[in-house]
């Protein structure tokens, strides 16, 4: 099992359809390529939290989410 990293992204999500779009793209990615990928979306705070294998870069996650909804900021969460 690979080491995991945690990230938090500020994403423009104004409705459940918006958060659902982000969830769908991350779910497909998990099913097809990254079985260790975990994520949560929070519509109230407009945040997406992602736990991913270290082989999956911050930039790749940012770009994947940004394709469906604008990401204004992101950061790695360290323990």
PDB file of N, CA and C in Angstrom:
ATOM      1  N   UNK A   1       0.845  -1.184   0.000  1.00  0.00           N
ATOM      2  CA  UNK A   1       0.000   0.000   0.000  1.00  0.00           C
ATOM      3  C   UNK A   1       0.888   1.244   0.000  1.00  0.00           C
ATOM      4  N   UNK A   2       0.536   2.190  -0.782  1.00  0.00           N
ATOM      5  CA  UNK A   2       1.336   3.406  -0.884  1.00  0.00           C
ATOM      6  C   UNK A   2       1.004   4.360   0.257  1.00  0.00           C
ATOM      7  N   UNK A   3       1.911   5.293   0.476  1.00  0.00           N
ATOM      8  CA  UNK A   3       1.645   6.347   1.448  1.00  0.00           C
ATOM      9  C   UNK A   3       0.591   7.284   0.894  1.00  0.00           C
ATOM     10  N   UNK A   4      -0.192   7.856   1.787  1.00  0.00           N
ATOM     11  CA  UNK A   4      -1.281   8.734   1.374  1.00  0.00           C
ATOM     12  C   UNK A   4      -0.993  10.169   1.777  1.00  0.00           C
ATOM     13  N   UNK A   5      -1.494  11.094   0.976  1.00  0.00           N
ATOM     14  CA  UNK A   5      -1.402  12.521   1.275  1.00  0.00           C
ATOM     15  C   UNK A   5      -2.810  13.084   1.318  1.00  0.00           C
ATOM     16  N   UNK A   6      -2.993  14.138   2.116  1.00  0.00           N
ATOM     17  CA  UNK A   6      -4.300  14.780   2.233  1.00  0.00           C
ATOM     18  C   UNK A   6      -4.237  16.196   1.684  1.00  0.00           C
ATOM     19  N   UNK A   7      -5.298  16.555   0.963  1.00  0.00           N
ATOM     20  CA  UNK A   7      -5.396  17.879   0.364  1.00  0.00           C
ATOM     21  C   UNK A   7      -6.775  18.465   0.636  1.00  0.00           C
ATOM     22  N   UNK A   8      -6.830  19.790   0.670  1.00  0.00           N
ATOM     23  CA  UNK A   8      -8.104  20.501   0.791  1.00  0.00           C
ATOM     24  C   UNK A   8      -8.155  21.553  -0.314  1.00  0.00           C
ATOM     25  N   UNK A   9      -9.285  21.595  -1.017  1.00  0.00           N
ATOM     26  CA  UNK A   9      -9.470  22.529  -2.123  1.00  0.00           C
ATOM     27  C   UNK A   9     -10.695  23.397  -1.869  1.00  0.00           C
ATOM     28  N   UNK A  10     -10.574  24.682  -2.157  1.00  0.00           N
ATOM     29  CA  UNK A  10     -11.700  25.616  -2.107  1.00  0.00           C
ATOM     30  C   UNK A  10     -12.317  25.636  -3.496  1.00  0.00           C
ATOM     31  N   UNK A  11     -13.552  25.154  -3.597  1.00  0.00           N
ATOM     32  CA  UNK A  11     -14.191  24.948  -4.895  1.00  0.00           C
ATOM     33  C   UNK A  11     -15.515  25.710  -4.943  1.00  0.00           C
ATOM     34  N   UNK A  12     -15.753  26.403  -6.044  1.00  0.00           N
ATOM     35  CA  UNK A  12     -17.003  27.155  -6.225  1.00  0.00           C
ATOM     36  C   UNK A  12     -18.151  26.173  -6.451  1.00  0.00           C
ATOM     37  N   UNK A  13     -18.865  25.851  -5.366  1.00  0.00           N
ATOM     38  CA  UNK A  13     -20.013  24.943  -5.429  1.00  0.00           C
ATOM     39  C   UNK A  13     -21.191  25.649  -4.775  1.00  0.00           C
ATOM     40  N   UNK A  14     -22.211  25.960  -5.551  1.00  0.00           N
ATOM     41  CA  UNK A  14     -23.344  26.705  -5.008  1.00  0.00           C
ATOM     42  C   UNK A  14     -24.606  25.861  -4.837  1.00  0.00           C
ATOM     43  N   UNK A  15     -24.566  24.606  -5.300  1.00  0.00           N
ATOM     44  CA  UNK A  15     -25.753  23.750  -5.188  1.00  0.00           C
ATOM     45  C   UNK A  15     -25.321  22.290  -5.138  1.00  0.00           C
ATOM     46  N   UNK A  16     -26.280  21.419  -4.868  1.00  0.00           N
ATOM     47  CA  UNK A  16     -25.961  19.993  -4.793  1.00  0.00           C
ATOM     48  C   UNK A  16     -25.539  19.443  -6.153  1.00  0.00           C
ATOM     49  N   UNK A  17     -26.000  20.057  -7.224  1.00  0.00           N
ATOM     50  CA  UNK A  17     -25.559  19.647  -8.556  1.00  0.00           C
ATOM     51  C   UNK A  17     -24.078  19.915  -8.754  1.00  0.00           C
ATOM     52  N   UNK A  18     -23.614  21.032  -8.204  1.00  0.00           N
ATOM     53  CA  UNK A  18     -22.192  21.393  -8.296  1.00  0.00           C
ATOM     54  C   UNK A  18     -21.327  20.385  -7.538  1.00  0.00           C
ATOM     55  N   UNK A  19     -21.693  20.119  -6.295  1.00  0.00           N
ATOM     56  CA  UNK A  19     -20.911  19.162  -5.510  1.00  0.00           C
ATOM     57  C   UNK A  19     -21.023  17.764  -6.111  1.00  0.00           C
ATOM     58  N   UNK A  20     -22.186  17.441  -6.667  1.00  0.00           N
ATOM     59  CA  UNK A  20     -22.368  16.148  -7.325  1.00  0.00           C
ATOM     60  C   UNK A  20     -21.467  15.983  -8.533  1.00  0.00           C
ATOM     61  N   UNK A  21     -21.245  17.056  -9.282  1.00  0.00           N
ATOM     62  CA  UNK A  21     -20.359  17.002 -10.448  1.00  0.00           C
ATOM     63  C   UNK A  21     -18.928  16.689 -10.018  1.00  0.00           C
ATOM     64  N   UNK A  22     -18.484  17.316  -8.936  1.00  0.00           N
ATOM     65  CA  UNK A  22     -17.141  17.052  -8.411  1.00  0.00           C
ATOM     66  C   UNK A  22     -17.052  15.607  -7.929  1.00  0.00           C
ATOM     67  N   UNK A  23     -18.065  15.154  -7.205  1.00  0.00           N
ATOM     68  CA  UNK A  23     -18.075  13.781  -6.696  1.00  0.00           C
ATOM     69  C   UNK A  23     -18.043  12.766  -7.833  1.00  0.00           C
ATOM     70  N   UNK A  24     -18.784  13.021  -8.897  1.00  0.00           N
ATOM     71  CA  UNK A  24     -18.816  12.084 -10.030  1.00  0.00           C
ATOM     72  C   UNK A  24     -17.450  11.942 -10.689  1.00  0.00           C
ATOM     73  N   UNK A  25     -16.770  13.066 -10.914  1.00  0.00           N
ATOM     74  CA  UNK A  25     -15.470  12.990 -11.582  1.00  0.00           C
ATOM     75  C   UNK A  25     -14.442  12.284 -10.691  1.00  0.00           C
ATOM     76  N   UNK A  26     -14.483  12.541  -9.387  1.00  0.00           N
ATOM     77  CA  UNK A  26     -13.553  11.870  -8.484  1.00  0.00           C
ATOM     78  C   UNK A  26     -13.900  10.388  -8.334  1.00  0.00           C
ATOM     79  N   UNK A  27     -15.179  10.059  -8.328  1.00  0.00           N
ATOM     80  CA  UNK A  27     -15.607   8.655  -8.237  1.00  0.00           C
ATOM     81  C   UNK A  27     -15.116   7.863  -9.442  1.00  0.00           C
ATOM     82  N   UNK A  28     -15.265   8.432 -10.640  1.00  0.00           N
ATOM     83  CA  UNK A  28     -14.784   7.754 -11.850  1.00  0.00           C
ATOM     84  C   UNK A  28     -13.276   7.532 -11.796  1.00  0.00           C
ATOM     85  N   UNK A  29     -12.565   8.544 -11.326  1.00  0.00           N
ATOM     86  CA  UNK A  29     -11.112   8.446 -11.215  1.00  0.00           C
ATOM     87  C   UNK A  29     -10.731   7.334 -10.247  1.00  0.00           C
ATOM     88  N   UNK A  30     -11.438   7.255  -9.124  1.00  0.00           N
ATOM     89  CA  UNK A  30     -11.192   6.212  -8.125  1.00  0.00           C
ATOM     90  C   UNK A  30     -11.452   4.831  -8.719  1.00  0.00           C
ATOM     91  N   UNK A  31     -12.555   4.686  -9.416  1.00  0.00           N
ATOM     92  CA  UNK A  31     -12.927   3.389  -9.979  1.00  0.00           C
ATOM     93  C   UNK A  31     -11.977   2.937 -11.086  1.00  0.00           C
ATOM     94  N   UNK A  32     -11.472   3.872 -11.872  1.00  0.00           N
ATOM     95  CA  UNK A  32     -10.658   3.507 -13.035  1.00  0.00           C
ATOM     96  C   UNK A  32      -9.158   3.466 -12.769  1.00  0.00           C
ATOM     97  N   UNK A  33      -8.663   4.345 -11.880  1.00  0.00           N
ATOM     98  CA  UNK A  33      -7.211   4.456 -11.750  1.00  0.00           C
ATOM     99  C   UNK A  33      -6.663   4.417 -10.331  1.00  0.00           C
ATOM    100  N   UNK A  34      -7.349   5.023  -9.395  1.00  0.00           N
ATOM    101  CA  UNK A  34      -6.779   5.207  -8.055  1.00  0.00           C
ATOM    102  C   UNK A  34      -7.726   4.668  -6.992  1.00  0.00           C
ATOM    103  N   UNK A  35      -7.637   3.374  -6.730  1.00  0.00           N
ATOM    104  CA  UNK A  35      -8.561   2.759  -5.772  1.00  0.00           C
ATOM    105  C   UNK A  35      -8.358   3.288  -4.349  1.00  0.00           C
ATOM    106  N   UNK A  36      -7.178   3.837  -4.046  1.00  0.00           N
ATOM    107  CA  UNK A  36      -6.912   4.393  -2.712  1.00  0.00           C
ATOM    108  C   UNK A  36      -7.469   5.803  -2.539  1.00  0.00           C
ATOM    109  N   UNK A  37      -7.981   6.401  -3.592  1.00  0.00           N
ATOM    110  CA  UNK A  37      -8.481   7.775  -3.548  1.00  0.00           C
ATOM    111  C   UNK A  37      -9.737   7.857  -2.682  1.00  0.00           C
ATOM    112  N   UNK A  38      -9.742   8.781  -1.745  1.00  0.00           N
ATOM    113  CA  UNK A  38     -10.920   9.049  -0.911  1.00  0.00           C
ATOM    114  C   UNK A  38     -11.199  10.543  -0.978  1.00  0.00           C
ATOM    115  N   UNK A  39     -12.469  10.922  -0.865  1.00  0.00           N
ATOM    116  CA  UNK A  39     -12.816  12.340  -0.990  1.00  0.00           C
ATOM    117  C   UNK A  39     -14.123  12.628  -0.273  1.00  0.00           C
ATOM    118  N   UNK A  40     -14.270  13.876   0.139  1.00  0.00           N
ATOM    119  CA  UNK A  40     -15.532  14.371   0.677  1.00  0.00           C
ATOM    120  C   UNK A  40     -15.750  15.770   0.118  1.00  0.00           C
ATOM    121  N   UNK A  41     -17.003  16.107  -0.090  1.00  0.00           N
ATOM    122  CA  UNK A  41     -17.349  17.465  -0.499  1.00  0.00           C
ATOM    123  C   UNK A  41     -18.236  18.061   0.586  1.00  0.00           C
ATOM    124  N   UNK A  42     -18.068  19.358   0.818  1.00  0.00           N
ATOM    125  CA  UNK A  42     -18.891  20.056   1.798  1.00  0.00           C
ATOM    126  C   UNK A  42     -19.445  21.302   1.124  1.00  0.00           C
ATOM    127  N   UNK A  43     -20.713  21.258   0.811  1.00  0.00           N
ATOM    128  CA  UNK A  43     -21.366  22.358   0.108  1.00  0.00           C
ATOM    129  C   UNK A  43     -21.400  23.629   0.960  1.00  0.00           C
ATOM    130  N   UNK A  44     -21.595  23.486   2.274  1.00  0.00           N
ATOM    131  CA  UNK A  44     -21.675  24.657   3.159  1.00  0.00           C
ATOM    132  C   UNK A  44     -20.369  25.450   3.186  1.00  0.00           C
ATOM    133  N   UNK A  45     -19.249  24.737   3.264  1.00  0.00           N
ATOM    134  CA  UNK A  45     -17.948  25.415   3.327  1.00  0.00           C
ATOM    135  C   UNK A  45     -17.294  25.555   1.956  1.00  0.00           C
ATOM    136  N   UNK A  46     -17.875  24.912   0.952  1.00  0.00           N
ATOM    137  CA  UNK A  46     -17.343  24.888  -0.416  1.00  0.00           C
ATOM    138  C   UNK A  46     -15.917  24.337  -0.443  1.00  0.00           C
ATOM    139  N   UNK A  47     -15.733  23.238   0.278  1.00  0.00           N
ATOM    140  CA  UNK A  47     -14.426  22.583   0.350  1.00  0.00           C
ATOM    141  C   UNK A  47     -14.538  21.146  -0.134  1.00  0.00           C
ATOM    142  N   UNK A  48     -13.478  20.698  -0.772  1.00  0.00           N
ATOM    143  CA  UNK A  48     -13.338  19.302  -1.167  1.00  0.00           C
ATOM    144  C   UNK A  48     -12.066  18.791  -0.501  1.00  0.00           C
ATOM    145  N   UNK A  49     -12.195  17.731   0.268  1.00  0.00           N
ATOM    146  CA  UNK A  49     -11.044  17.098   0.907  1.00  0.00           C
ATOM    147  C   UNK A  49     -10.736  15.805   0.175  1.00  0.00           C
ATOM    148  N   UNK A  50      -9.471  15.620  -0.136  1.00  0.00           N
ATOM    149  CA  UNK A  50      -9.041  14.456  -0.900  1.00  0.00           C
ATOM    150  C   UNK A  50      -7.876  13.792  -0.177  1.00  0.00           C
ATOM    151  N   UNK A  51      -7.967  12.480  -0.032  1.00  0.00           N
ATOM    152  CA  UNK A  51      -6.852  11.667   0.431  1.00  0.00           C
ATOM    153  C   UNK A  51      -6.454  10.806  -0.754  1.00  0.00           C
ATOM    154  N   UNK A  52      -5.181  10.913  -1.144  1.00  0.00           N
ATOM    155  CA  UNK A  52      -4.734  10.271  -2.377  1.00  0.00           C
ATOM    156  C   UNK A  52      -3.371   9.617  -2.174  1.00  0.00           C
ATOM    157  N   UNK A  53      -3.071   8.602  -2.994  1.00  0.00           N
ATOM    158  CA  UNK A  53      -1.728   8.029  -2.933  1.00  0.00           C
ATOM    159  C   UNK A  53      -0.694   9.086  -3.312  1.00  0.00           C
ATOM    160  N   UNK A  54       0.489   8.980  -2.735  1.00  0.00           N
ATOM    161  CA  UNK A  54       1.515   9.993  -3.003  1.00  0.00           C
ATOM    162  C   UNK A  54       1.925  10.034  -4.469  1.00  0.00           C
ATOM    163  N   UNK A  55       1.618   8.993  -5.226  1.00  0.00           N
ATOM    164  CA  UNK A  55       1.935   8.980  -6.657  1.00  0.00           C
ATOM    165  C   UNK A  55       1.020   9.904  -7.454  1.00  0.00           C
ATOM    166  N   UNK A  56      -0.070  10.327  -6.855  1.00  0.00           N
ATOM    167  CA  UNK A  56      -1.008  11.246  -7.503  1.00  0.00           C
ATOM    168  C   UNK A  56      -0.694  12.662  -7.020  1.00  0.00           C
ATOM    169  N   UNK A  57      -0.288  13.520  -7.927  1.00  0.00           N
ATOM    170  CA  UNK A  57       0.191  14.848  -7.534  1.00  0.00           C
ATOM    171  C   UNK A  57      -0.947  15.811  -7.198  1.00  0.00           C
ATOM    172  N   UNK A  58      -0.586  16.804  -6.404  1.00  0.00           N
ATOM    173  CA  UNK A  58      -1.504  17.894  -6.074  1.00  0.00           C
ATOM    174  C   UNK A  58      -2.020  18.541  -7.360  1.00  0.00           C
ATOM    175  N   UNK A  59      -1.112  18.825  -8.293  1.00  0.00           N
ATOM    176  CA  UNK A  59      -1.494  19.497  -9.543  1.00  0.00           C
ATOM    177  C   UNK A  59      -2.505  18.685 -10.341  1.00  0.00           C
ATOM    178  N   UNK A  60      -2.330  17.370 -10.379  1.00  0.00           N
ATOM    179  CA  UNK A  60      -3.258  16.513 -11.123  1.00  0.00           C
ATOM    180  C   UNK A  60      -4.651  16.557 -10.503  1.00  0.00           C
ATOM    181  N   UNK A  61      -4.720  16.538  -9.173  1.00  0.00           N
ATOM    182  CA  UNK A  61      -6.017  16.600  -8.489  1.00  0.00           C
ATOM    183  C   UNK A  61      -6.661  17.962  -8.722  1.00  0.00           C
ATOM    184  N   UNK A  62      -5.869  19.023  -8.582  1.00  0.00           N
ATOM    185  CA  UNK A  62      -6.360  20.382  -8.808  1.00  0.00           C
ATOM    186  C   UNK A  62      -6.968  20.488 -10.209  1.00  0.00           C
ATOM    187  N   UNK A  63      -6.235  20.022 -11.215  1.00  0.00           N
ATOM    188  CA  UNK A  63      -6.708  20.110 -12.601  1.00  0.00           C
ATOM    189  C   UNK A  63      -7.980  19.299 -12.819  1.00  0.00           C
ATOM    190  N   UNK A  64      -8.049  18.119 -12.225  1.00  0.00           N
ATOM    191  CA  UNK A  64      -9.222  17.250 -12.394  1.00  0.00           C
ATOM    192  C   UNK A  64     -10.475  17.927 -11.836  1.00  0.00           C
ATOM    193  N   UNK A  65     -10.382  18.502 -10.641  1.00  0.00           N
ATOM    194  CA  UNK A  65     -11.528  19.182 -10.033  1.00  0.00           C
ATOM    195  C   UNK A  65     -11.846  20.462 -10.795  1.00  0.00           C
ATOM    196  N   UNK A  66     -10.820  21.204 -11.170  1.00  0.00           N
ATOM    197  CA  UNK A  66     -10.989  22.492 -11.843  1.00  0.00           C
ATOM    198  C   UNK A  66     -11.663  22.354 -13.210  1.00  0.00           C
ATOM    199  N   UNK A  67     -11.597  21.171 -13.811  1.00  0.00           N
ATOM    200  CA  UNK A  67     -12.271  20.948 -15.099  1.00  0.00           C
ATOM    201  C   UNK A  67     -13.789  20.993 -14.962  1.00  0.00           C
ATOM    202  N   UNK A  68     -14.304  20.638 -13.771  1.00  0.00           N
ATOM    203  CA  UNK A  68     -15.760  20.628 -13.587  1.00  0.00           C
ATOM    204  C   UNK A  68     -16.275  21.816 -12.785  1.00  0.00           C
ATOM    205  N   UNK A  69     -15.472  22.322 -11.859  1.00  0.00           N
ATOM    206  CA  UNK A  69     -15.845  23.485 -11.045  1.00  0.00           C
ATOM    207  C   UNK A  69     -14.584  24.268 -10.717  1.00  0.00           C
ATOM    208  N   UNK A  70     -14.667  25.604 -10.736  1.00  0.00           N
ATOM    209  CA  UNK A  70     -13.473  26.411 -10.467  1.00  0.00           C
ATOM    210  C   UNK A  70     -12.914  26.195  -9.053  1.00  0.00           C
ATOM    211  N   UNK A  71     -11.605  25.992  -8.998  1.00  0.00           N
ATOM    212  CA  UNK A  71     -10.892  25.861  -7.729  1.00  0.00           C
ATOM    213  C   UNK A  71     -10.167  27.175  -7.476  1.00  0.00           C
ATOM    214  N   UNK A  72     -10.463  27.823  -6.348  1.00  0.00           N
ATOM    215  CA  UNK A  72      -9.818  29.106  -6.056  1.00  0.00           C
ATOM    216  C   UNK A  72      -8.521  28.941  -5.272  1.00  0.00           C
ATOM    217  N   UNK A  73      -8.392  27.838  -4.539  1.00  0.00           N
ATOM    218  CA  UNK A  73      -7.180  27.596  -3.756  1.00  0.00           C
ATOM    219  C   UNK A  73      -7.141  26.134  -3.339  1.00  0.00           C
ATOM    220  N   UNK A  74      -5.974  25.701  -2.951  1.00  0.00           N
ATOM    221  CA  UNK A  74      -5.806  24.347  -2.456  1.00  0.00           C
ATOM    222  C   UNK A  74      -4.561  24.278  -1.611  1.00  0.00           C
ATOM    223  N   UNK A  75      -4.474  23.241  -0.815  1.00  0.00           N
ATOM    224  CA  UNK A  75      -3.318  23.101   0.060  1.00  0.00           C
ATOM    225  C   UNK A  75      -3.167  21.646   0.466  1.00  0.00           C
ATOM    226  N   UNK A  76      -1.933  21.275   0.780  1.00  0.00           N
ATOM    227  CA  UNK A  76      -1.698  19.965   1.363  1.00  0.00           C
ATOM    228  C   UNK A  76      -1.913  20.087   2.860  1.00  0.00           C
ATOM    229  N   UNK A  77      -2.588  19.126   3.434  1.00  0.00           N
ATOM    230  CA  UNK A  77      -2.824  19.098   4.874  1.00  0.00           C
ATOM    231  C   UNK A  77      -1.781  18.166   5.476  1.00  0.00           C
ATOM    232  N   UNK A  78      -0.988  18.685   6.392  1.00  0.00           N
ATOM    233  CA  UNK A  78       0.035  17.868   7.035  1.00  0.00           C
ATOM    234  C   UNK A  78      -0.412  17.512   8.441  1.00  0.00           C
ATOM    235  N   UNK A  79       0.014  16.343   8.868  1.00  0.00           N
ATOM    236  CA  UNK A  79      -0.394  15.854  10.197  1.00  0.00           C
ATOM    237  C   UNK A  79       0.321  16.579  11.298  1.00  0.00           C
TER     238      UNK A  79
END
